[in-house]
Amino acid sequence: MYDFLLTQEEQELKQEVREFAREEVTSDFLRKMDKDEIVYPREFIEKLAAKNLRGIRFPKKYGGREMSWVAEIAAFEEIGCLGIALGCAFAMPSIVGEALNVFGTEEQKEKYLKPYIEGKLVAAEALTEPRGGSDFFGAMTKAKLHDDHFVLNGMKRFVVGAEGSDFFLVYCRTNFDESAHKYNRLSLLIVDKGPGVETEYMYGLMGCRGGGTGRLVFRDVKVPKENLVGELHGGALCFHQMMIPERLTSAAGCLGAWGALDLAVRYSNRRRAFGKEIRKYQAVSFKVADSITQLDAARGLTYMAAKAVDNNYANVRRLVSEAKRFATEAAWDVVNNSMQIMGGIGYTDVYPIERALRDQRLAMIWTGTTEIMNLMIQHEYYNQILDPSYDRRIMEDDAGNPDITERCFSDEDMMDVFEGKIQNP
């Protein structure tokens, strides 16, 4: 992000994280993650904690910095060049921490949030189930309440940090009334890793390797009643709140596509063909122009969404969805363009462009697919425009011939016009 849009404190954080990404994470570490030689990047988390770079937005009493969403996006833009897996490890305190900070009890914050931010504990979020990804509220994992505890049974998959985490935030069905509204079926539980909690296998992933992604199986797991986050059957409220950090961090991480573009630009400045550097050919230089323009547009939208959240803006769900959709797709285009600029060598593992491409493909799927983002965006926009309190100028009133009746009228109005009952509804 451009410094003139950041406060002095936000600029200092951004520079701090830039130095961290440059100096604390070795290329060898990234290569080992991509080869699955590192199952989960605990060392990375411990280094972040040592620099107080976890829980940027959360209260200082729990180890955070009490900074803004804009600050977190600025930090994330620097981390994003390290890849999706480390980006997710950086983001998870923001996601899991959101639920604990907003809905958790003081006891839960002291027991889980504080040591989590301090790097003493690692956590993951368990949402997706085998029967459906986007059909979140159709979850089949069940937790039945028995006096002072729940008994949890079910399965979650695509859990980043399934291997490596000390506790999980698990969405499960607790209301078994068949007539219950879908928003009143689920609850959110803190589930400690222990008896009955199993990581059955690790996925062979195209990208995002080394993040401990796997499937969790819960078999008669006893979960203390005090581990309920928020209200009983109130998981929908937690989910909708957590989708803000889920999607904003996805968008912010994709701003790290600057790393791939920087690499391609440097390469194009020294690679020669037909007697001159390839950057001097419009076929190459225009790809650079397209890429940086898309990346800047993604930055603008993502930071605007972050500012909207900081200011409790009414249409924040739409803006966050727009940022997630646009930034993930823009980053995919940027990395593809970068590979095209580099040609055949970009398709090999000589350079990390191919790793970035494999990583980037996931961003358009997780935390809500592009299609789900479109669903959210159009829904929120229709609600805004069709609200009776909408007070902007309505261009329909500026029609060239106001007596023409083929405008946005209902079928009933059109029939009345046809029959001459009304002249200009």
Protein backbone atom coordinates (compact mmCIF):
# COMPACT_ATOMS: atom_id res chain seq x y z
CA MET A 1 0.00 0.00 0.00
CA TYR A 2 1.11 3.56 -0.55
CA ASP A 3 2.42 5.21 2.60
CA PHE A 4 0.42 8.41 2.21
CA LEU A 5 -2.74 6.40 2.88
CA LEU A 6 -1.34 4.98 6.14
CA THR A 7 -0.79 6.57 9.54
CA GLN A 8 2.73 6.79 10.90
CA GLU A 9 2.03 3.85 13.21
CA GLU A 10 0.69 1.76 10.32
CA GLN A 11 3.71 2.64 8.19
CA GLU A 12 6.05 1.53 10.96
CA LEU A 13 4.22 -1.79 11.32
CA LYS A 14 4.37 -2.36 7.58
CA GLN A 15 8.12 -1.77 7.57
CA GLU A 16 8.54 -4.06 10.56
CA VAL A 17 6.73 -6.88 8.80
CA ARG A 18 8.62 -6.19 5.56
CA GLU A 19 11.88 -6.73 7.44
CA PHE A 20 10.49 -9.85 9.07
CA ALA A 21 9.49 -11.38 5.72
CA ARG A 22 12.87 -10.53 4.24
CA GLU A 23 15.10 -11.63 7.10
CA GLU A 24 13.29 -14.21 9.25
CA VAL A 25 11.96 -16.65 6.64
CA THR A 26 14.60 -18.45 4.61
CA SER A 27 14.21 -19.74 1.08
CA ASP A 28 15.19 -23.17 2.36
CA PHE A 29 12.28 -23.08 4.81
CA LEU A 30 9.84 -22.30 1.98
CA ARG A 31 11.24 -25.07 -0.20
CA LYS A 32 10.92 -27.61 2.61
CA MET A 33 7.31 -26.60 3.14
CA ASP A 34 6.54 -27.05 -0.55
CA LYS A 35 8.09 -30.52 -0.44
CA ASP A 36 6.02 -31.38 2.67
CA GLU A 37 9.22 -31.87 4.62
CA ILE A 38 7.73 -29.38 7.06
CA VAL A 39 4.26 -30.54 8.05
CA TYR A 40 3.30 -27.40 9.97
CA PRO A 41 5.29 -24.12 10.24
CA ARG A 42 5.46 -23.88 14.03
CA GLU A 43 8.85 -22.20 13.84
CA PHE A 44 7.30 -19.40 11.76
CA ILE A 45 4.56 -18.91 14.35
CA GLU A 46 7.06 -18.74 17.19
CA LYS A 47 9.07 -16.11 15.32
CA LEU A 48 5.93 -14.04 14.71
CA ALA A 49 5.05 -14.25 18.40
CA ALA A 50 8.55 -13.21 19.42
CA LYS A 51 8.10 -10.05 17.31
CA ASN A 52 4.57 -9.47 18.67
CA LEU A 53 3.11 -9.87 15.18
CA ARG A 54 0.14 -12.05 16.14
CA GLY A 55 -3.17 -10.56 17.16
CA ILE A 56 -2.46 -7.15 15.66
CA ARG A 57 -6.06 -5.98 16.09
CA PHE A 58 -6.72 -7.42 19.53
CA PRO A 59 -6.48 -5.84 23.01
CA LYS A 60 -3.08 -5.40 24.58
CA LYS A 61 -4.27 -7.18 27.73
CA TYR A 62 -4.35 -10.39 25.66
CA GLY A 63 -1.04 -9.73 23.93
CA GLY A 64 -2.30 -7.83 20.89
CA ARG A 65 -1.43 -4.38 19.57
CA GLU A 66 -4.94 -2.83 19.44
CA MET A 67 -4.39 -1.60 15.89
CA SER A 68 -6.81 -1.23 12.97
CA TRP A 69 -7.89 -3.51 10.15
CA VAL A 70 -6.00 -1.20 7.81
CA ALA A 71 -2.83 -1.91 9.80
CA GLU A 72 -3.40 -5.64 9.56
CA ILE A 73 -3.90 -5.46 5.79
CA ALA A 74 -0.69 -3.44 5.48
CA ALA A 75 1.17 -6.13 7.41
CA PHE A 76 -0.44 -8.92 5.44
CA GLU A 77 0.56 -7.41 2.10
CA GLU A 78 4.19 -7.92 3.12
CA ILE A 79 3.64 -11.50 4.36
CA GLY A 80 1.65 -12.48 1.25
CA CYS A 81 4.74 -12.94 -0.91
CA LEU A 82 5.72 -15.93 1.26
CA GLY A 83 2.84 -18.01 -0.08
CA ILE A 84 -0.63 -19.15 0.87
CA ALA A 85 0.37 -21.57 3.67
CA LEU A 86 2.40 -19.03 5.65
CA GLY A 87 -0.20 -16.40 4.82
CA CYS A 88 -2.83 -18.62 6.39
CA ALA A 89 -0.65 -19.20 9.46
CA PHE A 90 -0.33 -15.43 9.76
CA ALA A 91 -4.09 -14.92 9.28
CA MET A 92 -5.42 -17.60 11.61
CA PRO A 93 -5.03 -15.55 14.83
CA SER A 94 -7.14 -12.87 13.17
CA ILE A 95 -9.84 -15.42 12.27
CA VAL A 96 -9.94 -17.62 15.37
CA GLY A 97 -9.16 -14.60 17.52
CA GLU A 98 -12.18 -12.76 16.11
CA ALA A 99 -14.58 -15.35 17.52
CA LEU A 100 -12.84 -15.50 20.89
CA ASN A 101 -12.51 -11.73 21.21
CA VAL A 102 -16.04 -10.84 20.10
CA PHE A 103 -18.05 -13.75 21.48
CA GLY A 104 -15.79 -15.44 24.04
CA THR A 105 -16.07 -15.25 27.80
CA GLU A 106 -13.32 -13.69 29.87
CA GLU A 107 -12.27 -17.18 30.95
CA GLN A 108 -12.03 -18.31 27.31
CA LYS A 109 -9.94 -15.27 26.43
CA GLU A 110 -7.50 -15.93 29.25
CA LYS A 111 -7.29 -19.66 28.59
CA TYR A 112 -7.17 -19.60 24.79
CA LEU A 113 -6.86 -16.16 23.19
CA LYS A 114 -3.95 -14.84 25.26
CA PRO A 115 -1.64 -17.88 24.89
CA TYR A 116 -2.71 -18.13 21.24
CA ILE A 117 -1.54 -14.60 20.50
CA GLU A 118 1.62 -15.25 22.52
CA GLY A 119 2.43 -18.23 20.29
CA LYS A 120 2.11 -20.77 23.10
CA LEU A 121 -0.91 -22.38 21.44
CA VAL A 122 -1.84 -22.99 17.80
CA ALA A 123 -5.41 -23.19 16.58
CA ALA A 124 -7.44 -23.88 13.46
CA GLU A 125 -10.99 -23.35 12.27
CA ALA A 126 -13.07 -26.36 11.27
CA LEU A 127 -15.93 -25.48 8.90
CA THR A 128 -16.07 -27.57 5.72
CA GLU A 129 -17.60 -31.05 5.67
CA PRO A 130 -17.46 -33.82 3.05
CA ARG A 131 -21.14 -33.46 2.13
CA GLY A 132 -20.83 -29.83 1.13
CA GLY A 133 -18.43 -26.91 1.08
CA SER A 134 -20.51 -23.82 0.34
CA ASP A 135 -23.54 -25.42 2.02
CA PHE A 136 -22.19 -24.43 5.42
CA PHE A 137 -25.50 -24.43 7.27
CA GLY A 138 -26.15 -27.99 6.16
CA ALA A 139 -23.40 -29.18 8.53
CA MET A 140 -23.88 -32.72 9.82
CA THR A 141 -21.28 -32.73 12.61
CA LYS A 142 -23.32 -33.01 15.81
CA ALA A 143 -22.82 -32.03 19.43
CA LYS A 144 -25.43 -33.25 21.91
CA LEU A 145 -25.63 -31.52 25.29
CA HIS A 146 -25.51 -33.77 28.34
CA ASP A 147 -25.68 -31.80 31.58
CA ASP A 148 -22.25 -30.10 31.81
CA HIS A 149 -20.74 -31.22 28.51
CA PHE A 150 -21.36 -31.83 24.82
CA VAL A 151 -20.64 -35.10 23.02
CA LEU A 152 -19.24 -34.30 19.60
CA ASN A 153 -19.33 -36.61 16.58
CA GLY A 154 -18.64 -35.85 12.96
CA MET A 155 -16.04 -34.91 10.42
CA LYS A 156 -14.45 -31.78 8.98
CA ARG A 157 -12.11 -31.55 6.02
CA PHE A 158 -9.73 -29.07 4.39
CA VAL A 159 -8.74 -27.87 7.85
CA VAL A 160 -5.54 -25.85 7.52
CA GLY A 161 -3.67 -26.71 10.70
CA ALA A 162 -5.44 -29.99 11.33
CA GLU A 163 -1.95 -31.29 11.94
CA GLY A 164 -0.12 -28.98 14.32
CA SER A 165 -2.96 -27.27 16.19
CA ASP A 166 -3.63 -27.49 19.92
CA PHE A 167 -7.32 -26.60 19.71
CA PHE A 168 -10.01 -26.09 17.09
CA LEU A 169 -13.05 -23.89 16.62
CA VAL A 170 -15.69 -26.34 15.41
CA TYR A 171 -19.11 -25.51 13.99
CA CYS A 172 -21.59 -28.26 14.77
CA ARG A 173 -25.30 -28.88 14.89
CA THR A 174 -26.82 -28.58 18.36
CA ASN A 175 -30.46 -27.90 17.52
CA PHE A 176 -32.11 -31.05 16.19
CA ASP A 177 -35.60 -29.66 15.78
CA GLU A 178 -36.44 -30.37 12.12
CA SER A 179 -38.43 -27.13 11.90
CA ALA A 180 -35.54 -25.01 13.19
CA HIS A 181 -34.36 -22.26 10.86
CA LYS A 182 -30.94 -22.96 9.41
CA TYR A 183 -29.51 -19.97 11.29
CA ASN A 184 -30.63 -21.51 14.58
CA ARG A 185 -29.18 -24.98 14.12
CA LEU A 186 -25.47 -24.58 14.75
CA SER A 187 -23.19 -23.71 17.65
CA LEU A 188 -19.47 -22.95 17.85
CA LEU A 189 -17.31 -25.00 20.23
CA ILE A 190 -13.68 -24.83 21.35
CA VAL A 191 -12.40 -28.38 21.01
CA ASP A 192 -9.03 -29.27 22.52
CA LYS A 193 -6.87 -31.77 20.72
CA GLY A 194 -7.11 -34.98 22.68
CA PRO A 195 -9.00 -38.27 22.99
CA GLY A 196 -11.47 -38.77 20.16
CA VAL A 197 -9.99 -36.00 17.98
CA GLU A 198 -8.13 -37.56 15.08
CA THR A 199 -6.34 -36.28 12.01
CA GLU A 200 -7.12 -39.18 9.70
CA TYR A 201 -4.91 -38.23 6.78
CA MET A 202 -3.13 -35.34 5.18
CA TYR A 203 -4.22 -34.13 1.75
CA GLY A 204 -1.89 -34.14 -1.22
CA LEU A 205 -2.32 -30.53 -2.24
CA MET A 206 -1.53 -28.79 -5.52
CA GLY A 207 -0.25 -25.82 -3.51
CA CYS A 208 -0.46 -24.40 0.02
CA ARG A 209 1.80 -27.18 1.26
CA GLY A 210 3.32 -27.34 4.71
CA GLY A 211 0.25 -25.85 6.40
CA GLY A 212 -0.90 -29.08 8.02
CA THR A 213 -4.08 -29.35 5.95
CA GLY A 214 -6.05 -32.47 6.74
CA ARG A 215 -9.32 -34.06 7.79
CA LEU A 216 -10.55 -34.08 11.38
CA VAL A 217 -12.72 -36.82 12.77
CA PHE A 218 -14.54 -36.47 16.09
CA ARG A 219 -15.62 -39.67 17.83
CA ASP A 220 -17.57 -39.18 21.06
CA VAL A 221 -15.46 -36.21 22.09
CA LYS A 222 -16.46 -34.73 25.45
CA VAL A 223 -16.44 -30.95 25.23
CA PRO A 224 -17.05 -28.94 28.44
CA LYS A 225 -20.15 -26.74 28.28
CA GLU A 226 -17.98 -23.73 29.13
CA ASN A 227 -16.24 -24.20 25.74
CA LEU A 228 -19.35 -22.97 23.94
CA VAL A 229 -18.49 -19.73 22.12
CA GLY A 230 -21.40 -17.32 22.06
CA GLU A 231 -24.96 -18.51 22.55
CA LEU A 232 -26.26 -22.05 22.22
CA HIS A 233 -27.53 -22.45 18.63
CA GLY A 234 -25.92 -19.06 17.91
CA GLY A 235 -23.20 -20.30 15.57
CA ALA A 236 -24.63 -18.39 12.61
CA LEU A 237 -23.87 -15.07 14.30
CA CYS A 238 -20.29 -16.17 14.96
CA PHE A 239 -19.95 -17.41 11.38
CA HIS A 240 -21.13 -14.16 9.81
CA GLN A 241 -18.73 -12.19 12.02
CA MET A 242 -15.80 -14.47 11.24
CA MET A 243 -16.38 -14.24 7.51
CA ILE A 244 -15.04 -10.70 7.70
CA PRO A 245 -11.51 -11.76 8.72
CA GLU A 246 -11.79 -14.95 6.63
CA ARG A 247 -12.34 -13.00 3.43
CA LEU A 248 -10.36 -9.85 4.17
CA THR A 249 -7.25 -11.85 5.00
CA SER A 250 -7.73 -13.89 1.81
CA ALA A 251 -7.86 -10.66 -0.18
CA ALA A 252 -4.91 -9.16 1.67
CA GLY A 253 -2.75 -12.23 1.23
CA CYS A 254 -3.29 -12.05 -2.52
CA LEU A 255 -1.82 -8.58 -2.59
CA GLY A 256 1.43 -10.46 -2.06
CA ALA A 257 1.31 -11.27 -5.78
CA TRP A 258 3.61 -8.26 -6.04
CA GLY A 259 6.38 -10.77 -5.30
CA ALA A 260 5.77 -12.70 -8.53
CA LEU A 261 5.44 -9.49 -10.55
CA ASP A 262 8.63 -8.05 -9.09
CA LEU A 263 10.45 -11.23 -10.09
CA ALA A 264 9.10 -11.06 -13.66
CA VAL A 265 10.01 -7.37 -13.98
CA ARG A 266 13.59 -7.99 -12.83
CA TYR A 267 13.85 -10.96 -15.19
CA SER A 268 12.52 -8.96 -18.15
CA ASN A 269 15.10 -6.26 -17.50
CA ARG A 270 18.03 -8.67 -18.03
CA ARG A 271 16.64 -11.32 -20.37
CA ARG A 272 17.51 -10.45 -23.98
CA ALA A 273 15.87 -11.60 -27.20
CA PHE A 274 16.40 -10.38 -30.76
CA GLY A 275 19.11 -8.03 -29.58
CA LYS A 276 17.41 -6.20 -26.69
CA GLU A 277 15.91 -6.68 -23.25
CA ILE A 278 12.46 -8.22 -23.48
CA ARG A 279 10.98 -5.42 -21.36
CA LYS A 280 11.37 -3.21 -24.43
CA TYR A 281 8.76 -5.24 -26.33
CA GLN A 282 5.17 -4.13 -25.83
CA ALA A 283 4.05 -7.76 -25.61
CA VAL A 284 5.96 -7.89 -22.34
CA SER A 285 5.77 -4.35 -21.00
CA PHE A 286 2.00 -4.14 -21.49
CA LYS A 287 1.55 -7.29 -19.42
CA VAL A 288 3.46 -5.53 -16.67
CA ALA A 289 1.20 -2.48 -17.03
CA ASP A 290 -1.95 -4.62 -16.90
CA SER A 291 -0.65 -6.51 -13.87
CA ILE A 292 0.34 -3.55 -11.73
CA THR A 293 -2.93 -1.81 -12.57
CA GLN A 294 -4.91 -4.85 -11.44
CA LEU A 295 -2.81 -5.15 -8.33
CA ASP A 296 -3.27 -1.49 -7.45
CA ALA A 297 -7.03 -1.79 -8.01
CA ALA A 298 -7.07 -4.83 -5.72
CA ARG A 299 -5.12 -2.87 -3.12
CA GLY A 300 -7.58 0.01 -3.31
CA LEU A 301 -10.63 -2.22 -2.90
CA THR A 302 -9.08 -4.27 -0.10
CA TYR A 303 -7.98 -1.26 1.90
CA MET A 304 -11.35 0.41 1.36
CA ALA A 305 -13.06 -2.72 2.73
CA ALA A 306 -10.69 -2.69 5.73
CA LYS A 307 -11.48 0.97 6.37
CA ALA A 308 -15.19 0.18 6.10
CA VAL A 309 -14.87 -2.50 8.80
CA ASP A 310 -12.88 -0.12 11.02
CA ASN A 311 -15.70 2.43 10.69
CA ASN A 312 -18.63 -0.03 11.04
CA TYR A 313 -19.92 0.86 7.58
CA ALA A 314 -23.37 -0.49 6.77
CA ASN A 315 -22.45 -2.26 3.52
CA VAL A 316 -19.32 -3.93 4.85
CA ARG A 317 -20.38 -7.46 3.85
CA ARG A 318 -20.62 -6.44 0.21
CA LEU A 319 -17.30 -4.60 0.22
CA VAL A 320 -15.47 -7.47 1.92
CA SER A 321 -16.94 -9.91 -0.62
CA GLU A 322 -15.92 -7.62 -3.48
CA ALA A 323 -12.39 -7.35 -2.10
CA LYS A 324 -12.07 -11.12 -1.71
CA ARG A 325 -13.40 -11.82 -5.18
CA PHE A 326 -11.46 -9.10 -7.01
CA ALA A 327 -8.13 -9.47 -5.21
CA THR A 328 -8.00 -13.26 -5.60
CA GLU A 329 -8.82 -13.09 -9.31
CA ALA A 330 -6.44 -10.17 -9.89
CA ALA A 331 -3.62 -12.04 -8.17
CA TRP A 332 -4.28 -15.09 -10.36
CA ASP A 333 -3.97 -12.90 -13.46
CA VAL A 334 -0.82 -11.23 -12.13
CA VAL A 335 0.93 -14.53 -11.42
CA ASN A 336 -0.13 -15.93 -14.81
CA ASN A 337 1.19 -12.82 -16.55
CA SER A 338 4.42 -13.11 -14.60
CA MET A 339 4.88 -16.69 -15.74
CA GLN A 340 4.12 -15.70 -19.34
CA ILE A 341 6.73 -12.95 -19.20
CA MET A 342 9.33 -15.41 -17.97
CA GLY A 343 8.44 -18.00 -20.58
CA GLY A 344 9.52 -21.62 -20.25
CA ILE A 345 11.85 -21.03 -17.31
CA GLY A 346 8.86 -19.76 -15.33
CA TYR A 347 7.20 -23.15 -15.72
CA THR A 348 10.11 -24.90 -13.99
CA ASP A 349 11.09 -24.97 -10.34
CA VAL A 350 14.18 -22.90 -11.09
CA TYR A 351 12.07 -19.90 -10.05
CA PRO A 352 9.21 -19.86 -7.51
CA ILE A 353 6.66 -18.58 -10.05
CA GLU A 354 5.21 -22.06 -10.55
CA ARG A 355 4.83 -22.43 -6.78
CA ALA A 356 3.04 -19.07 -6.61
CA LEU A 357 0.71 -20.19 -9.40
CA ARG A 358 -0.15 -23.42 -7.59
CA ASP A 359 -0.74 -21.51 -4.39
CA GLN A 360 -2.80 -18.79 -5.96
CA ARG A 361 -5.37 -21.12 -7.47
CA LEU A 362 -6.65 -21.98 -4.02
CA ALA A 363 -7.48 -18.39 -3.14
CA MET A 364 -10.46 -18.34 -5.52
CA ILE A 365 -11.93 -21.39 -3.78
CA TRP A 366 -11.43 -21.18 -0.03
CA THR A 367 -13.19 -18.86 2.44
CA GLY A 368 -16.03 -18.63 -0.08
CA THR A 369 -15.67 -19.29 -3.79
CA THR A 370 -15.82 -16.53 -6.39
CA GLU A 371 -19.37 -17.70 -7.16
CA ILE A 372 -20.43 -17.37 -3.52
CA MET A 373 -18.87 -13.90 -3.43
CA ASN A 374 -20.95 -12.94 -6.46
CA LEU A 375 -24.04 -14.23 -4.69
CA MET A 376 -23.25 -12.06 -1.67
CA ILE A 377 -22.39 -8.98 -3.72
CA GLN A 378 -25.53 -8.92 -5.85
CA HIS A 379 -27.76 -9.74 -2.85
CA GLU A 380 -26.40 -6.88 -0.76
CA TYR A 381 -26.53 -4.45 -3.68
CA TYR A 382 -30.14 -5.29 -4.57
CA ASN A 383 -31.12 -4.77 -0.93
CA GLN A 384 -29.41 -1.38 -0.92
CA ILE A 385 -30.92 -0.07 -4.16
CA LEU A 386 -34.44 -1.37 -3.55
CA ASP A 387 -34.62 -0.11 0.03
CA PRO A 388 -37.41 2.52 0.32
CA SER A 389 -34.99 4.81 2.16
CA TYR A 390 -32.61 4.95 -0.83
CA ASP A 391 -32.25 8.68 -1.47
CA ARG A 392 -29.98 9.11 -4.50
CA ARG A 393 -31.20 10.47 -7.84
CA ILE A 394 -33.10 7.83 -9.81
CA MET A 395 -32.01 7.96 -13.44
CA GLU A 396 -35.18 6.26 -14.60
CA ASP A 397 -36.92 9.61 -14.06
CA ASP A 398 -34.66 11.11 -16.73
CA ALA A 399 -36.09 8.96 -19.54
CA GLY A 400 -36.17 10.73 -22.91
CA ASN A 401 -39.93 10.25 -23.29
CA PRO A 402 -41.60 9.88 -19.89
CA ASP A 403 -44.90 8.89 -21.54
CA ILE A 404 -43.48 5.67 -22.95
CA THR A 405 -44.76 2.87 -20.77
CA GLU A 406 -42.14 0.18 -21.40
CA ARG A 407 -40.26 0.94 -18.25
CA CYS A 408 -39.76 -0.95 -15.01
CA PHE A 409 -43.42 -1.57 -14.21
CA SER A 410 -45.06 -4.66 -12.81
CA ASP A 411 -47.11 -6.96 -15.01
CA GLU A 412 -50.26 -5.62 -13.37
CA ASP A 413 -49.31 -2.01 -14.15
CA MET A 414 -48.53 -2.88 -17.76
CA MET A 415 -51.95 -4.50 -18.19
CA ASP A 416 -53.65 -1.42 -16.71
CA VAL A 417 -51.76 0.78 -19.18
CA PHE A 418 -52.76 -1.46 -22.05
CA GLU A 419 -56.42 -1.29 -21.04
CA GLY A 420 -56.25 2.48 -20.62
CA LYS A 421 -56.92 2.48 -16.90
CA ILE A 422 -53.77 4.47 -16.18
CA GLN A 423 -51.76 6.77 -18.41
CA ASN A 424 -48.34 7.13 -16.77
CA PRO A 425 -47.93 4.92 -13.69
